[in-house]
C-alpha atoms as a PDB file:
ATOM      1  CA  MET A   1       4.044   5.984  -1.296  1.00  0.00           C
ATOM      2  CA  ASP A   2       1.637   7.429  -0.250  1.00  0.00           C
ATOM      3  CA  GLU A   3      -1.409   9.008   1.201  1.00  0.00           C
ATOM      4  CA  HIS A   4      -1.714   7.302   4.550  1.00  0.00           C
ATOM      5  CA  PRO A   5      -0.533   8.577   7.925  1.00  0.00           C
ATOM      6  CA  PRO A   6       2.172   6.852   9.984  1.00  0.00           C
ATOM      7  CA  ARG A   7       1.507   3.663  11.861  1.00  0.00           C
ATOM      8  CA  THR A   8       2.985   2.774  15.236  1.00  0.00           C
ATOM      9  CA  PRO A   9       6.086   0.607  15.719  1.00  0.00           C
ATOM     10  CA  THR A  10       6.182  -2.713  17.507  1.00  0.00           C
ATOM     11  CA  THR A  11       8.612  -3.363  20.327  1.00  0.00           C
ATOM     12  CA  ALA A  12      10.592  -6.590  20.636  1.00  0.00           C
ATOM     13  CA  ASP A  13       8.017  -8.110  22.972  1.00  0.00           C
ATOM     14  CA  GLY A  14       5.133  -7.312  20.630  1.00  0.00           C
ATOM     15  CA  ARG A  15       3.824  -4.180  22.330  1.00  0.00           C
ATOM     16  CA  LEU A  16       3.119  -1.081  20.273  1.00  0.00           C
ATOM     17  CA  GLY A  17       4.998   2.109  20.891  1.00  0.00           C
ATOM     18  CA  ARG A  18       4.409   5.638  19.667  1.00  0.00           C
ATOM     19  CA  ALA A  19       5.264   6.423  16.045  1.00  0.00           C
ATOM     20  CA  ALA A  20       7.080   9.537  17.259  1.00  0.00           C
ATOM     21  CA  ASP A  21       9.500   7.296  19.175  1.00  0.00           C
ATOM     22  CA  HIS A  22      10.520   5.282  16.120  1.00  0.00           C
ATOM     23  CA  PRO A  23      14.203   5.846  15.196  1.00  0.00           C
ATOM     24  CA  GLY A  24      13.137   6.965  11.736  1.00  0.00           C
ATOM     25  CA  MET A  25      11.358   9.901  13.322  1.00  0.00           C
ATOM     26  CA  ARG A  26      14.203  10.924  15.643  1.00  0.00           C
ATOM     27  CA  ASP A  27      17.555  10.163  13.973  1.00  0.00           C
ATOM     28  CA  PRO A  28      18.899  13.454  12.500  1.00  0.00           C
ATOM     29  CA  ARG A  29      21.085  11.753   9.890  1.00  0.00           C
ATOM     30  CA  TYR A  30      18.266   9.515   8.743  1.00  0.00           C
ATOM     31  CA  LEU A  31      15.864  12.468   8.590  1.00  0.00           C
ATOM     32  CA  ALA A  32      18.361  14.403   6.464  1.00  0.00           C
ATOM     33  CA  ARG A  33      18.558  11.450   4.075  1.00  0.00           C
ATOM     34  CA  ARG A  34      14.756  11.269   4.029  1.00  0.00           C
ATOM     35  CA  ARG A  35      14.563  14.990   3.148  1.00  0.00           C
ATOM     36  CA  TRP A  36      17.050  14.433   0.317  1.00  0.00           C
ATOM     37  CA  PHE A  37      14.737  11.842  -1.214  1.00  0.00           C
ATOM     38  CA  ALA A  38      11.773  14.182  -0.827  1.00  0.00           C
ATOM     39  CA  GLN A  39      13.693  16.903  -2.663  1.00  0.00           C
ATOM     40  CA  LEU A  40      14.292  14.536  -5.600  1.00  0.00           C
ATOM     41  CA  ALA A  41      10.544  14.196  -5.991  1.00  0.00           C
ATOM     42  CA  ARG A  42       9.738  17.898  -5.735  1.00  0.00           C
ATOM     43  CA  GLY A  43       7.981  19.086  -8.879  1.00  0.00           C
ATOM     44  CA  HIS A  44       7.889  15.585 -10.372  1.00  0.00           C
ATOM     45  CA  ARG A  45       5.260  15.204 -13.090  1.00  0.00           C
ATOM     46  CA  VAL A  46       3.239  12.003 -13.205  1.00  0.00           C
ATOM     47  CA  GLY A  47       4.809   9.650 -15.736  1.00  0.00           C
ATOM     48  CA  ASP A  48       8.231  11.323 -15.894  1.00  0.00           C
ATOM     49  CA  PRO A  49      11.199   8.983 -15.273  1.00  0.00           C
ATOM     50  CA  ALA A  50      12.437   8.782 -11.685  1.00  0.00           C
ATOM     51  CA  PRO A  51      16.084   9.717 -11.087  1.00  0.00           C
ATOM     52  CA  ARG A  52      18.487   6.874 -10.461  1.00  0.00           C
ATOM     53  CA  VAL A  53      19.528   6.613  -6.800  1.00  0.00           C
ATOM     54  CA  GLU A  54      22.858   5.383  -5.461  1.00  0.00           C
ATOM     55  CA  TYR A  55      21.724   3.532  -2.364  1.00  0.00           C
ATOM     56  CA  ARG A  56      24.061   3.056   0.581  1.00  0.00           C
ATOM     57  CA  PRO A  57      25.296  -0.349   1.819  1.00  0.00           C
ATOM     58  CA  GLY A  58      23.118  -0.141   4.938  1.00  0.00           C
ATOM     59  CA  GLU A  59      20.029   0.512   2.843  1.00  0.00           C
ATOM     60  CA  HIS A  60      20.733  -2.546   0.705  1.00  0.00           C
ATOM     61  CA  ALA A  61      21.209  -4.563   3.906  1.00  0.00           C
ATOM     62  CA  VAL A  62      17.732  -3.546   5.108  1.00  0.00           C
ATOM     63  CA  TRP A  63      16.286  -4.712   1.787  1.00  0.00           C
ATOM     64  CA  ARG A  64      17.989  -8.108   2.069  1.00  0.00           C
ATOM     65  CA  ALA A  65      16.805  -8.681   5.639  1.00  0.00           C
ATOM     66  CA  VAL A  66      13.201  -7.728   4.966  1.00  0.00           C
ATOM     67  CA  ARG A  67      13.090  -9.603   1.667  1.00  0.00           C
ATOM     68  CA  ARG A  68      14.176 -12.869   3.332  1.00  0.00           C
ATOM     69  CA  ALA A  69      11.600 -12.487   6.108  1.00  0.00           C
ATOM     70  CA  LEU A  70       8.772 -11.625   3.752  1.00  0.00           C
ATOM     71  CA  GLU A  71       9.430 -14.553   1.435  1.00  0.00           C
ATOM     72  CA  ASP A  72       8.663 -17.025   4.224  1.00  0.00           C
ATOM     73  CA  ALA A  73       5.767 -14.954   5.558  1.00  0.00           C
ATOM     74  CA  HIS A  74       4.142 -14.743   2.124  1.00  0.00           C
ATOM     75  CA  ARG A  75       4.293 -18.503   1.671  1.00  0.00           C
ATOM     76  CA  ALA A  76       2.520 -18.933   4.997  1.00  0.00           C
ATOM     77  CA  HIS A  77      -0.022 -16.132   4.890  1.00  0.00           C
ATOM     78  CA  ALA A  78      -0.561 -14.671   1.394  1.00  0.00           C
ATOM     79  CA  CYS A  79      -3.303 -15.732  -0.990  1.00  0.00           C
ATOM     80  CA  ARG A  80      -2.567 -17.773  -4.094  1.00  0.00           C
ATOM     81  CA  GLU A  81      -2.935 -14.789  -6.457  1.00  0.00           C
ATOM     82  CA  VAL A  82      -0.218 -12.934  -4.546  1.00  0.00           C
ATOM     83  CA  LEU A  83       2.092 -15.935  -4.694  1.00  0.00           C
ATOM     84  CA  SER A  84       1.474 -16.260  -8.432  1.00  0.00           C
ATOM     85  CA  ALA A  85       2.183 -12.546  -8.962  1.00  0.00           C
ATOM     86  CA  ARG A  86       5.451 -12.895  -7.039  1.00  0.00           C
ATOM     87  CA  GLU A  87       6.536 -15.514  -9.535  1.00  0.00           C
ATOM     88  CA  ALA A  88       5.713 -13.238 -12.451  1.00  0.00           C
ATOM     89  CA  VAL A  89       7.869 -10.319 -11.292  1.00  0.00           C
ATOM     90  CA  ARG A  90      11.538 -10.551 -10.359  1.00  0.00           C
ATOM     91  CA  PHE A  91      13.091  -8.215  -7.813  1.00  0.00           C
ATOM     92  CA  PRO A  92      16.844  -8.313  -7.116  1.00  0.00           C
ATOM     93  CA  ALA A  93      17.795 -10.425  -4.122  1.00  0.00           C
ATOM     94  CA  ASP A  94      20.848  -8.513  -2.958  1.00  0.00           C
ATOM     95  CA  ARG A  95      20.057  -4.850  -3.571  1.00  0.00           C
ATOM     96  CA  LEU A  96      17.289  -2.306  -3.720  1.00  0.00           C
ATOM     97  CA  PRO A  97      15.681  -2.000  -7.156  1.00  0.00           C
ATOM     98  CA  GLN A  98      15.450   1.232  -9.100  1.00  0.00           C
ATOM     99  CA  HIS A  99      12.004   2.535 -10.032  1.00  0.00           C
ATOM    100  CA  ALA A 100      12.855   2.041 -13.693  1.00  0.00           C
ATOM    101  CA  GLU A 101      13.584  -1.668 -13.121  1.00  0.00           C
ATOM    102  CA  VAL A 102      10.294  -2.285 -11.366  1.00  0.00           C
ATOM    103  CA  GLY A 103       8.327  -0.152 -13.807  1.00  0.00           C
ATOM    104  CA  ALA A 104       9.717  -1.957 -16.855  1.00  0.00           C
ATOM    105  CA  GLN A 105       8.438  -5.275 -15.530  1.00  0.00           C
ATOM    106  CA  LEU A 106       5.048  -3.890 -14.551  1.00  0.00           C
ATOM    107  CA  ARG A 107       4.526  -2.273 -17.954  1.00  0.00           C
ATOM    108  CA  ARG A 108       5.181  -5.608 -19.627  1.00  0.00           C
ATOM    109  CA  LEU A 109       2.819  -7.498 -17.348  1.00  0.00           C
ATOM    110  CA  THR A 110      -0.121  -5.145 -16.796  1.00  0.00           C
ATOM    111  CA  GLY A 111       0.655  -1.753 -18.351  1.00  0.00           C
ATOM    112  CA  PHE A 112       1.221  -0.101 -14.957  1.00  0.00           C
ATOM    113  CA  ASP A 113       4.296   1.880 -13.959  1.00  0.00           C
ATOM    114  CA  PHE A 114       5.735   3.515 -10.861  1.00  0.00           C
ATOM    115  CA  THR A 115       5.731   7.303 -10.753  1.00  0.00           C
ATOM    116  CA  LEU A 116       7.766   9.173  -8.179  1.00  0.00           C
ATOM    117  CA  ALA A 117       6.490  10.403  -4.820  1.00  0.00           C
ATOM    118  CA  GLY A 118       8.444  12.049  -2.034  1.00  0.00           C
ATOM    119  CA  GLY A 119       5.977  11.123   0.701  1.00  0.00           C
ATOM    120  CA  VAL A 120       2.318  11.918   1.249  1.00  0.00           C
ATOM    121  CA  VAL A 121       0.338  12.455  -1.974  1.00  0.00           C
ATOM    122  CA  ALA A 122      -3.106  14.055  -2.074  1.00  0.00           C
ATOM    123  CA  ASN A 123      -5.998  11.697  -2.812  1.00  0.00           C
ATOM    124  CA  GLU A 124      -6.942  13.413  -6.069  1.00  0.00           C
ATOM    125  CA  ARG A 125      -3.490  12.881  -7.571  1.00  0.00           C
ATOM    126  CA  PHE A 126      -2.641   9.582  -5.884  1.00  0.00           C
ATOM    127  CA  LEU A 127      -5.882   7.782  -6.655  1.00  0.00           C
ATOM    128  CA  GLY A 128      -6.651   9.497  -9.940  1.00  0.00           C
ATOM    129  CA  SER A 129      -3.277   8.579 -11.448  1.00  0.00           C
ATOM    130  CA  MET A 130      -4.199   4.908 -11.201  1.00  0.00           C
ATOM    131  CA  ALA A 131      -6.751   5.444 -13.979  1.00  0.00           C
ATOM    132  CA  ARG A 132      -3.787   6.277 -16.251  1.00  0.00           C
ATOM    133  CA  GLY A 133      -1.750   3.298 -15.080  1.00  0.00           C
ATOM    134  CA  TYR A 134       0.576   5.089 -12.638  1.00  0.00           C
ATOM    135  CA  PHE A 135       1.207   4.250  -9.013  1.00  0.00           C
ATOM    136  CA  HIS A 136       3.009   6.770  -6.802  1.00  0.00           C
ATOM    137  CA  ALA A 137       6.000   5.129  -5.125  1.00  0.00           C
ATOM    138  CA  VAL A 138       8.765   6.544  -2.959  1.00  0.00           C
ATOM    139  CA  GLN A 139      12.504   5.866  -3.133  1.00  0.00           C
ATOM    140  CA  PHE A 140      13.513   6.118   0.525  1.00  0.00           C
ATOM    141  CA  VAL A 141      14.094   3.097   2.757  1.00  0.00           C
ATOM    142  CA  ARG A 142      13.035   2.470   6.351  1.00  0.00           C
ATOM    143  CA  HIS A 143      15.412   2.998   9.272  1.00  0.00           C
ATOM    144  CA  PRO A 144      17.885   0.105   9.745  1.00  0.00           C
ATOM    145  CA  ALA A 145      17.332  -0.100  13.508  1.00  0.00           C
ATOM    146  CA  VAL A 146      13.818  -1.502  13.006  1.00  0.00           C
ATOM    147  CA  PRO A 147      13.888  -3.176   9.585  1.00  0.00           C
ATOM    148  CA  MET A 148      10.647  -5.101  10.077  1.00  0.00           C
ATOM    149  CA  TYR A 149       8.609  -1.961  10.698  1.00  0.00           C
ATOM    150  CA  THR A 150       8.326   1.485   9.167  1.00  0.00           C
ATOM    151  CA  PRO A 151       6.139   4.303  10.518  1.00  0.00           C
ATOM    152  CA  GLU A 152       5.521   5.487   6.949  1.00  0.00           C
ATOM    153  CA  PRO A 153       5.346   3.454   3.753  1.00  0.00           C
ATOM    154  CA  ASP A 154       8.764   3.156   2.104  1.00  0.00           C
ATOM    155  CA  LEU A 155      10.205   1.642  -1.070  1.00  0.00           C
ATOM    156  CA  ILE A 156      10.041  -1.852   0.433  1.00  0.00           C
ATOM    157  CA  HIS A 157       6.329  -1.376   1.080  1.00  0.00           C
ATOM    158  CA  ASP A 158       5.757  -0.129  -2.444  1.00  0.00           C
ATOM    159  CA  VAL A 159       7.710  -2.943  -4.085  1.00  0.00           C
ATOM    160  CA  PHE A 160       6.628  -5.899  -1.932  1.00  0.00           C
ATOM    161  CA  GLY A 161       3.063  -4.665  -1.659  1.00  0.00           C
ATOM    162  CA  HIS A 162       1.964  -2.672  -4.675  1.00  0.00           C
ATOM    163  CA  GLY A 163       4.697  -3.899  -7.000  1.00  0.00           C
ATOM    164  CA  ILE A 164       3.531  -7.472  -6.504  1.00  0.00           C
ATOM    165  CA  HIS A 165      -0.093  -6.422  -7.006  1.00  0.00           C
ATOM    166  CA  LEU A 166       0.635  -4.569 -10.213  1.00  0.00           C
ATOM    167  CA  ALA A 167       2.332  -7.607 -11.734  1.00  0.00           C
ATOM    168  CA  ALA A 168      -1.047  -9.363 -11.878  1.00  0.00           C
ATOM    169  CA  PRO A 169      -3.963  -8.343 -14.139  1.00  0.00           C
ATOM    170  CA  VAL A 170      -6.506  -9.308 -11.468  1.00  0.00           C
ATOM    171  CA  PHE A 171      -5.071  -6.686  -9.093  1.00  0.00           C
ATOM    172  CA  ALA A 172      -4.242  -4.096 -11.746  1.00  0.00           C
ATOM    173  CA  ALA A 173      -7.905  -4.072 -12.803  1.00  0.00           C
ATOM    174  CA  VAL A 174      -8.959  -3.100  -9.275  1.00  0.00           C
ATOM    175  CA  TYR A 175      -6.388  -0.278  -9.168  1.00  0.00           C
ATOM    176  CA  ARG A 176      -7.758   1.061 -12.458  1.00  0.00           C
ATOM    177  CA  LEU A 177     -11.322   0.751 -11.189  1.00  0.00           C
ATOM    178  CA  ILE A 178     -10.492   2.827  -8.122  1.00  0.00           C
ATOM    179  CA  GLY A 179      -8.522   5.304 -10.211  1.00  0.00           C
ATOM    180  CA  GLU A 180     -11.334   5.804 -12.712  1.00  0.00           C
ATOM    181  CA  ALA A 181     -13.794   6.497  -9.912  1.00  0.00           C
ATOM    182  CA  ALA A 182     -11.447   9.001  -8.271  1.00  0.00           C
ATOM    183  CA  ALA A 183     -10.698  10.746 -11.563  1.00  0.00           C
ATOM    184  CA  ARG A 184     -14.312  11.831 -12.031  1.00  0.00           C
ATOM    185  CA  LEU A 185     -14.770  13.122  -8.478  1.00  0.00           C
ATOM    186  CA  ARG A 186     -14.074  16.670  -7.334  1.00  0.00           C
ATOM    187  CA  THR A 187     -14.994  16.929  -3.659  1.00  0.00           C
ATOM    188  CA  GLY A 188     -12.679  15.912  -0.873  1.00  0.00           C
ATOM    189  CA  HIS A 189     -15.566  14.083   0.795  1.00  0.00           C
ATOM    190  CA  ALA A 190     -16.161  11.820  -2.197  1.00  0.00           C
ATOM    191  CA  LEU A 191     -12.455  11.196  -2.720  1.00  0.00           C
ATOM    192  CA  GLN A 192     -12.061  10.215   0.924  1.00  0.00           C
ATOM    193  CA  ILE A 193     -14.751   7.562   0.476  1.00  0.00           C
ATOM    194  CA  VAL A 194     -12.741   6.064  -2.392  1.00  0.00           C
ATOM    195  CA  SER A 195      -9.593   6.288  -0.272  1.00  0.00           C
ATOM    196  CA  ASP A 196     -11.287   4.432   2.591  1.00  0.00           C
ATOM    197  CA  LEU A 197     -12.335   1.623   0.251  1.00  0.00           C
ATOM    198  CA  TYR A 198      -8.801   1.493  -1.095  1.00  0.00           C
ATOM    199  CA  TRP A 199      -7.452   1.257   2.470  1.00  0.00           C
ATOM    200  CA  TYR A 200      -9.611  -1.700   3.481  1.00  0.00           C
ATOM    201  CA  THR A 201      -9.088  -3.587   0.213  1.00  0.00           C
ATOM    202  CA  LEU A 202      -5.816  -2.908  -1.606  1.00  0.00           C
ATOM    203  CA  GLU A 203      -3.950  -1.951   1.569  1.00  0.00           C
ATOM    204  CA  TYR A 204      -5.500  -4.177   4.254  1.00  0.00           C
ATOM    205  CA  GLY A 205      -7.671  -6.684   2.405  1.00  0.00           C
ATOM    206  CA  VAL A 206      -7.948 -10.363   3.269  1.00  0.00           C
ATOM    207  CA  VAL A 207      -9.643 -13.102   1.275  1.00  0.00           C
ATOM    208  CA  GLU A 208     -11.025 -16.609   1.704  1.00  0.00           C
ATOM    209  CA  ASP A 209      -8.575 -19.005   0.091  1.00  0.00           C
ATOM    210  CA  GLY A 210      -8.748 -22.779   0.399  1.00  0.00           C
ATOM    211  CA  GLY A 211     -10.810 -22.607   3.570  1.00  0.00           C
ATOM    212  CA  ALA A 212      -8.427 -20.183   5.287  1.00  0.00           C
ATOM    213  CA  THR A 213      -8.190 -16.412   5.567  1.00  0.00           C
ATOM    214  CA  LYS A 214      -5.235 -15.165   3.533  1.00  0.00           C
ATOM    215  CA  ALA A 215      -3.727 -11.710   3.069  1.00  0.00           C
ATOM    216  CA  TYR A 216      -3.687  -9.745  -0.159  1.00  0.00           C
ATOM    217  CA  GLY A 217      -3.497  -6.094   1.006  1.00  0.00           C
ATOM    218  CA  ALA A 218      -0.193  -4.336   0.295  1.00  0.00           C
ATOM    219  CA  ALA A 219       0.233  -3.046   3.860  1.00  0.00           C
ATOM    220  CA  LEU A 220      -0.058  -6.614   5.119  1.00  0.00           C
ATOM    221  CA  LEU A 221       2.217  -8.064   2.448  1.00  0.00           C
ATOM    222  CA  SER A 222       5.007  -5.624   3.289  1.00  0.00           C
ATOM    223  CA  SER A 223       4.822  -6.016   7.084  1.00  0.00           C
ATOM    224  CA  TYR A 224       6.312  -9.142   8.627  1.00  0.00           C
ATOM    225  CA  GLY A 225       4.685  -8.347  11.968  1.00  0.00           C
ATOM    226  CA  GLU A 226       1.201  -7.764  10.618  1.00  0.00           C
ATOM    227  CA  LEU A 227       1.319 -10.896   8.472  1.00  0.00           C
ATOM    228  CA  GLY A 228       2.034 -12.887  11.599  1.00  0.00           C
ATOM    229  CA  ARG A 229      -0.989 -11.648  13.505  1.00  0.00           C
ATOM    230  CA  PHE A 230      -3.675 -10.363  11.132  1.00  0.00           C
ATOM    231  CA  ARG A 231      -5.947 -13.316  11.878  1.00  0.00           C
ATOM    232  CA  ALA A 232      -6.183 -12.026  15.449  1.00  0.00           C
ATOM    233  CA  ALA A 233      -8.096  -9.020  14.141  1.00  0.00           C
ATOM    234  CA  ASP A 234     -11.889  -8.790  14.065  1.00  0.00           C
ATOM    235  CA  VAL A 235     -12.325 -10.175  10.540  1.00  0.00           C
ATOM    236  CA  ARG A 236     -15.681  -9.214   9.039  1.00  0.00           C
ATOM    237  CA  GLU A 237     -17.255  -9.970   5.686  1.00  0.00           C
ATOM    238  CA  LEU A 238     -16.635  -7.364   2.995  1.00  0.00           C
ATOM    239  CA  ASP A 239     -19.507  -4.889   2.907  1.00  0.00           C
ATOM    240  CA  VAL A 240     -19.247  -1.326   1.621  1.00  0.00           C
ATOM    241  CA  PRO A 241     -21.537   0.367   4.190  1.00  0.00           C
ATOM    242  CA  ALA A 242     -19.672  -1.417   6.992  1.00  0.00           C
ATOM    243  CA  VAL A 243     -16.307  -0.365   5.565  1.00  0.00           C
ATOM    244  CA  LEU A 244     -17.414   3.259   5.328  1.00  0.00           C
ATOM    245  CA  ALA A 245     -18.605   3.166   8.934  1.00  0.00           C
ATOM    246  CA  THR A 246     -15.304   1.753  10.245  1.00  0.00           C
ATOM    247  CA  PRO A 247     -12.553   4.287  11.029  1.00  0.00           C
ATOM    248  CA  TYR A 248      -8.902   3.433  10.483  1.00  0.00           C
ATOM    249  CA  ASP A 249      -6.711   2.583  13.410  1.00  0.00           C
ATOM    250  CA  ILE A 250      -3.543   4.374  12.323  1.00  0.00           C
ATOM    251  CA  ALA A 251      -1.837   3.823  15.690  1.00  0.00           C
ATOM    252  CA  GLY A 252      -0.895   0.179  15.190  1.00  0.00           C
ATOM    253  CA  TYR A 253      -2.103  -3.106  13.836  1.00  0.00           C
ATOM    254  CA  GLN A 254      -5.565  -2.937  12.318  1.00  0.00           C
ATOM    255  CA  PRO A 255      -8.200  -4.182  14.783  1.00  0.00           C
ATOM    256  CA  VAL A 256     -10.806  -4.719  12.024  1.00  0.00           C
ATOM    257  CA  LEU A 257     -10.262  -6.277   8.599  1.00  0.00           C
ATOM    258  CA  PHE A 258     -12.731  -7.102   5.835  1.00  0.00           C
ATOM    259  CA  ARG A 259     -12.648 -10.500   4.129  1.00  0.00           C
ATOM    260  CA  ALA A 260     -13.835 -11.101   0.581  1.00  0.00           C
ATOM    261  CA  ARG A 261     -14.920 -14.460  -0.810  1.00  0.00           C
ATOM    262  CA  SER A 262     -12.452 -14.040  -3.677  1.00  0.00           C
ATOM    263  CA  LEU A 263     -10.622 -11.313  -5.552  1.00  0.00           C
ATOM    264  CA  ALA A 264     -13.474 -11.370  -8.068  1.00  0.00           C
ATOM    265  CA  HIS A 265     -15.770 -10.560  -5.152  1.00  0.00           C
ATOM    266  CA  VAL A 266     -13.554  -7.566  -4.305  1.00  0.00           C
ATOM    267  CA  ALA A 267     -13.727  -6.291  -7.882  1.00  0.00           C
ATOM    268  CA  ASP A 268     -17.474  -6.858  -8.188  1.00  0.00           C
ATOM    269  CA  THR A 269     -18.223  -5.189  -4.842  1.00  0.00           C
ATOM    270  CA  LEU A 270     -16.164  -2.116  -5.653  1.00  0.00           C
ATOM    271  CA  ALA A 271     -17.511  -1.881  -9.213  1.00  0.00           C
ATOM    272  CA  ALA A 272     -21.121  -2.041  -8.019  1.00  0.00           C
ATOM    273  CA  PHE A 273     -20.590   0.808  -5.556  1.00  0.00           C
ATOM    274  CA  LEU A 274     -18.116   2.997  -7.416  1.00  0.00           C
ATOM    275  CA  GLY A 275     -20.062   2.799 -10.656  1.00  0.00           C
ATOM    276  CA  GLY A 276     -22.804   4.908  -9.106  1.00  0.00           C
ATOM    277  CA  LEU A 277     -20.601   7.161  -6.993  1.00  0.00           C
ATOM    278  CA  ASP A 278     -20.414  10.857  -7.751  1.00  0.00           C
ATOM    279  CA  ASP A 279     -19.988  13.988  -5.663  1.00  0.00           C
ATOM    280  CA  ASP A 280     -23.700  14.034  -4.816  1.00  0.00           C
ATOM    281  CA  THR A 281     -24.278  10.362  -4.079  1.00  0.00           C
ATOM    282  CA  ALA A 282     -21.200  10.409  -1.834  1.00  0.00           C
ATOM    283  CA  LEU A 283     -23.158  12.608   0.575  1.00  0.00           C
ATOM    284  CA  ALA A 284     -25.833   9.941   0.905  1.00  0.00           C
ATOM    285  CA  ALA A 285     -23.329   7.065   1.075  1.00  0.00           C
ATOM    286  CA  ARG A 286     -21.704   8.655   4.101  1.00  0.00           C
ATOM    287  CA  PRO A 287     -23.084  11.974   5.371  1.00  0.00           C
ATOM    288  CA  PRO A 288     -20.380  14.451   6.399  1.00  0.00           C
ATOM    289  CA  ALA A 289     -19.609  14.622  10.083  1.00  0.00           C
ATOM    290  CA  ALA A 290     -21.261  17.453  11.938  1.00  0.00           C
ATOM    291  CA  PRO A 291     -18.938  20.454  12.477  1.00  0.00           C
END
């Protein structure tokens, strides 16, 4: 992935440190490996096959550790649609999957596929590609020193968050809805509005499920730490004007989350707003900040 800026790591006692202090931001050998992955993605055209990667033993070990932790965390904290989607898609237990392996399953289930990203992707390309059934995913893996946290979304995030989503038609429909809205917009202001809605739903959304608040957002699903504490956030009812008035906290765990009554409520809320969104109405939906 992706288009979002780094989040801040958690120390062993639960306190948040600076993203710049994370080993993945300071280890020269890891950074060289990260640059190698970015080079693989340079010039990649949406929909072209991703190159096969020979992952290292330590990278596979990170996958195994995080996978085990997330399995238990999902059972405790994820909504029923996420758990059902997990059953529909099979990821290898002992090694990192290749993009082609994940994409083949997603195409069969919902028509979506992974397309390669080296890191940050501009909103126009990232969001707009969803209308064509492509989700930008990276190939690099988080630093092994802190396997339960990454300061930037990695392959584990993309697989255990978005890969699970895109195995289920109910989620894939929302990705397409967001992509179709983004594809007809031209201004950065309007695209950022779509990106903000994406952030608070498909990345950090929670939903009422069986009388409890459960996680469905990909950033929650791929973070063991955030799954364990998201209910401590200020959980508000899903409302587009409120979402657009709430800035991201990119320095740590999200202090505000928005809860939908159901995934159908998410889809209906986004469809009602995005259906009337264009470059002009975006100015009224959220006036640009004064210079």
